[in-house]
Amino acid sequence: MISDLILATERLKTEKKYLNKMVTKLVEENQKFLGENRHFREKMASFQSSPVPRKRMVEEIDEVKSTFTKVEELQDLEWQKVEEMYLQQWEREMEDKKEEIIKEKHQISETRGTVAEQGKIIENLQTQINHLREELKNSELIACQPMEQKEVHSESPMHKVAKANLLEKLVNSCLSKRLSLLRCW
């Protein structure tokens, strides 16, 4: 996104330089025409002071008017070209941004689908883990009942703790193996 802004800024700078050149060119042309205008005014002033036939004076005035009309038409054409160029560039940029937004939306929808699938897998794994814990508890209860009845008097407290630790390690090992198998699935 930042790179797009940087590129857009660079384009605007380039366009600004181009427009500055165009404005400078138009100002120079305007100065040229102003000089010609002064020249024609001076001529007109000399005509007014000198006895020149009216027809010739009218012709020269018409020539000056046509020159100014041509200049205005050229300036209008130049500005139209510049405006068209800006519009075309703006349309291209908007089309590029539209394509980027479509790509991002597509990526977001794919990511959502993946997250939903992973959520279902996690729920299934959690259900299996809970089921295995229940099976383990039930098997511990079944396995421990006959032993407790027979060995109530013969087992020491340390022996019971060691057996519980061993059983816990066995359960954790079994759970981690099943969990790793489920992850591979």
Protein backbone atom coordinates (compact mmCIF):
# COMPACT_ATOMS: atom_id res chain seq x y z
CA MET A 1 0.00 0.00 0.00
CA ILE A 2 2.85 2.37 0.89
CA SER A 3 4.68 1.45 -2.30
CA ASP A 4 1.54 2.33 -4.28
CA LEU A 5 1.44 5.73 -2.59
CA ILE A 6 5.12 6.28 -3.35
CA LEU A 7 4.57 5.34 -7.01
CA ALA A 8 1.56 7.63 -7.21
CA THR A 9 3.59 10.46 -5.66
CA GLU A 10 6.37 9.91 -8.19
CA ARG A 11 3.85 9.97 -11.02
CA LEU A 12 2.34 13.18 -9.72
CA LYS A 13 5.80 14.74 -9.48
CA THR A 14 6.50 13.74 -13.09
CA GLU A 15 3.17 15.12 -14.20
CA LYS A 16 3.82 18.33 -12.30
CA LYS A 17 7.15 18.72 -14.10
CA TYR A 18 5.43 18.11 -17.41
CA LEU A 19 2.72 20.65 -16.61
CA ASN A 20 5.32 23.18 -15.48
CA LYS A 21 7.07 22.76 -18.83
CA MET A 22 3.77 23.16 -20.64
CA VAL A 23 2.92 26.28 -18.64
CA THR A 24 6.39 27.70 -19.31
CA LYS A 25 5.96 26.98 -23.00
CA LEU A 26 2.54 28.62 -23.02
CA VAL A 27 3.88 31.64 -21.14
CA GLU A 28 6.71 31.97 -23.68
CA GLU A 29 4.22 31.72 -26.53
CA ASN A 30 2.03 34.27 -24.78
CA GLN A 31 5.02 36.63 -24.41
CA LYS A 32 5.75 36.17 -28.10
CA PHE A 33 2.19 37.03 -29.00
CA LEU A 34 2.19 39.96 -26.60
CA GLY A 35 5.29 41.23 -28.40
CA GLU A 36 3.52 40.83 -31.72
CA ASN A 37 0.52 42.58 -30.22
CA ARG A 38 2.72 45.52 -29.21
CA HIS A 39 4.15 45.54 -32.69
CA PHE A 40 0.68 45.67 -34.20
CA ARG A 41 -0.44 48.36 -31.75
CA GLU A 42 2.55 50.42 -32.69
CA LYS A 43 1.67 49.89 -36.32
CA MET A 44 -1.90 50.88 -35.63
CA ALA A 45 -0.73 53.97 -33.79
CA SER A 46 1.48 54.86 -36.76
CA PHE A 47 -1.46 54.26 -39.08
CA GLN A 48 -3.63 56.50 -37.02
CA SER A 49 -1.05 59.25 -37.18
CA SER A 50 -0.22 58.72 -40.83
CA PRO A 51 -2.60 58.99 -43.70
CA VAL A 52 -3.05 55.30 -44.64
CA PRO A 53 -6.02 54.05 -46.53
CA ARG A 54 -8.72 52.71 -44.25
CA LYS A 55 -9.01 49.43 -46.16
CA ARG A 56 -5.39 48.46 -45.48
CA MET A 57 -5.77 49.24 -41.80
CA VAL A 58 -8.90 47.07 -41.52
CA GLU A 59 -7.08 44.19 -43.24
CA GLU A 60 -4.21 44.35 -40.78
CA ILE A 61 -6.60 44.47 -37.83
CA ASP A 62 -8.41 41.40 -39.19
CA GLU A 63 -5.05 39.65 -39.56
CA VAL A 64 -4.18 40.39 -35.92
CA LYS A 65 -7.59 39.13 -34.78
CA SER A 66 -7.20 35.89 -36.75
CA THR A 67 -3.73 35.38 -35.24
CA PHE A 68 -5.11 35.74 -31.70
CA THR A 69 -7.97 33.39 -32.53
CA LYS A 70 -5.48 30.77 -33.75
CA VAL A 71 -3.43 31.16 -30.57
CA GLU A 72 -6.50 30.69 -28.39
CA GLU A 73 -7.48 27.59 -30.36
CA LEU A 74 -3.98 26.13 -29.96
CA GLN A 75 -4.02 26.80 -26.22
CA ASP A 76 -7.43 25.16 -25.90
CA LEU A 77 -6.19 22.09 -27.79
CA GLU A 78 -3.11 21.82 -25.55
CA TRP A 79 -5.22 21.99 -22.38
CA GLN A 80 -7.62 19.40 -23.76
CA LYS A 81 -4.70 17.05 -24.45
CA VAL A 82 -3.36 17.56 -20.92
CA GLU A 83 -6.81 16.91 -19.41
CA GLU A 84 -7.26 13.76 -21.49
CA MET A 85 -3.85 12.52 -20.41
CA TYR A 86 -4.71 13.04 -16.73
CA LEU A 87 -8.06 11.33 -17.11
CA GLN A 88 -6.50 8.33 -18.82
CA GLN A 89 -3.83 8.01 -16.16
CA TRP A 90 -6.40 8.34 -13.38
CA GLU A 91 -8.53 5.62 -15.01
CA ARG A 92 -5.51 3.29 -15.23
CA GLU A 93 -4.66 3.89 -11.57
CA MET A 94 -8.26 3.24 -10.50
CA GLU A 95 -8.33 0.02 -12.55
CA ASP A 96 -5.06 -1.13 -10.93
CA LYS A 97 -6.42 -0.38 -7.45
CA LYS A 98 -9.64 -2.22 -8.27
CA GLU A 99 -7.65 -5.30 -9.32
CA GLU A 100 -5.59 -5.15 -6.12
CA ILE A 101 -8.74 -4.93 -3.99
CA ILE A 102 -10.24 -7.93 -5.80
CA LYS A 103 -7.05 -9.93 -5.17
CA GLU A 104 -7.06 -8.97 -1.48
CA LYS A 105 -10.73 -9.97 -1.13
CA HIS A 106 -9.95 -13.32 -2.74
CA GLN A 107 -7.04 -13.90 -0.35
CA ILE A 108 -9.23 -12.96 2.63
CA SER A 109 -11.95 -15.42 1.60
CA GLU A 110 -9.35 -18.18 1.13
CA THR A 111 -7.88 -17.43 4.56
CA ARG A 112 -11.34 -17.53 6.15
CA GLY A 113 -11.99 -20.93 4.55
CA THR A 114 -8.67 -22.26 5.82
CA VAL A 115 -9.35 -20.93 9.33
CA ALA A 116 -12.79 -22.54 9.34
CA GLU A 117 -11.31 -25.89 8.26
CA GLN A 118 -8.62 -25.68 10.93
CA GLY A 119 -11.28 -24.82 13.53
CA LYS A 120 -13.23 -27.96 12.61
CA ILE A 121 -10.06 -30.06 12.80
CA ILE A 122 -9.24 -28.61 16.22
CA GLU A 123 -12.77 -29.33 17.45
CA ASN A 124 -12.48 -32.94 16.24
CA LEU A 125 -9.09 -33.32 17.91
CA GLN A 126 -10.42 -31.86 21.16
CA THR A 127 -13.36 -34.28 21.06
CA GLN A 128 -11.00 -37.21 20.47
CA ILE A 129 -8.68 -36.04 23.26
CA ASN A 130 -11.61 -35.77 25.68
CA HIS A 131 -12.82 -39.22 24.62
CA LEU A 132 -9.34 -40.69 25.15
CA ARG A 133 -9.11 -39.09 28.58
CA GLU A 134 -12.44 -40.64 29.54
CA GLU A 135 -11.26 -44.04 28.27
CA LEU A 136 -8.01 -43.64 30.19
CA LYS A 137 -9.82 -42.71 33.40
CA ASN A 138 -12.15 -45.66 33.02
CA SER A 139 -9.27 -48.03 32.31
CA GLU A 140 -7.35 -46.64 35.32
CA LEU A 141 -10.34 -47.15 37.55
CA ILE A 142 -10.81 -50.70 36.30
CA ALA A 143 -7.11 -51.49 36.54
CA CYS A 144 -6.70 -49.94 39.96
CA GLN A 145 -9.74 -51.45 41.68
CA PRO A 146 -8.56 -55.03 41.95
CA MET A 147 -5.06 -53.94 42.88
CA GLU A 148 -6.29 -51.57 45.55
CA GLN A 149 -8.42 -54.27 47.08
CA LYS A 150 -5.56 -56.76 47.15
CA GLU A 151 -2.72 -54.38 47.91
CA VAL A 152 -4.32 -51.96 50.32
CA HIS A 153 -2.20 -53.20 53.13
CA SER A 154 0.94 -54.13 51.22
CA GLU A 155 1.72 -50.91 49.23
CA SER A 156 3.70 -48.09 50.76
CA PRO A 157 2.79 -44.42 50.08
CA MET A 158 5.98 -43.92 48.05
CA HIS A 159 5.12 -46.93 45.92
CA LYS A 160 1.68 -45.46 45.22
CA VAL A 161 3.20 -42.08 44.22
CA ALA A 162 5.69 -43.74 41.90
CA LYS A 163 2.91 -45.80 40.32
CA ALA A 164 0.75 -42.66 39.84
CA ASN A 165 3.69 -40.80 38.23
CA LEU A 166 4.37 -43.74 35.94
CA LEU A 167 0.70 -43.92 34.98
CA GLU A 168 0.63 -40.16 34.29
CA LYS A 169 3.68 -40.43 32.04
CA LEU A 170 2.05 -43.32 30.19
CA VAL A 171 -1.15 -41.31 29.66
CA ASN A 172 0.74 -38.22 28.47
CA SER A 173 2.82 -40.32 26.10
CA CYS A 174 -0.27 -41.96 24.67
CA LEU A 175 -2.03 -38.63 24.25
CA SER A 176 0.94 -36.96 22.59
CA LYS A 177 1.30 -39.88 20.14
CA ARG A 178 -2.38 -39.69 19.20
CA LEU A 179 -2.21 -35.92 18.91
CA SER A 180 0.80 -36.11 16.58
CA LEU A 181 -1.01 -38.72 14.49
CA LEU A 182 -4.03 -36.46 14.29
CA ARG A 183 -1.89 -33.49 13.25
CA CYS A 184 -0.42 -35.50 10.40
CA TRP A 185 -3.93 -36.42 9.36
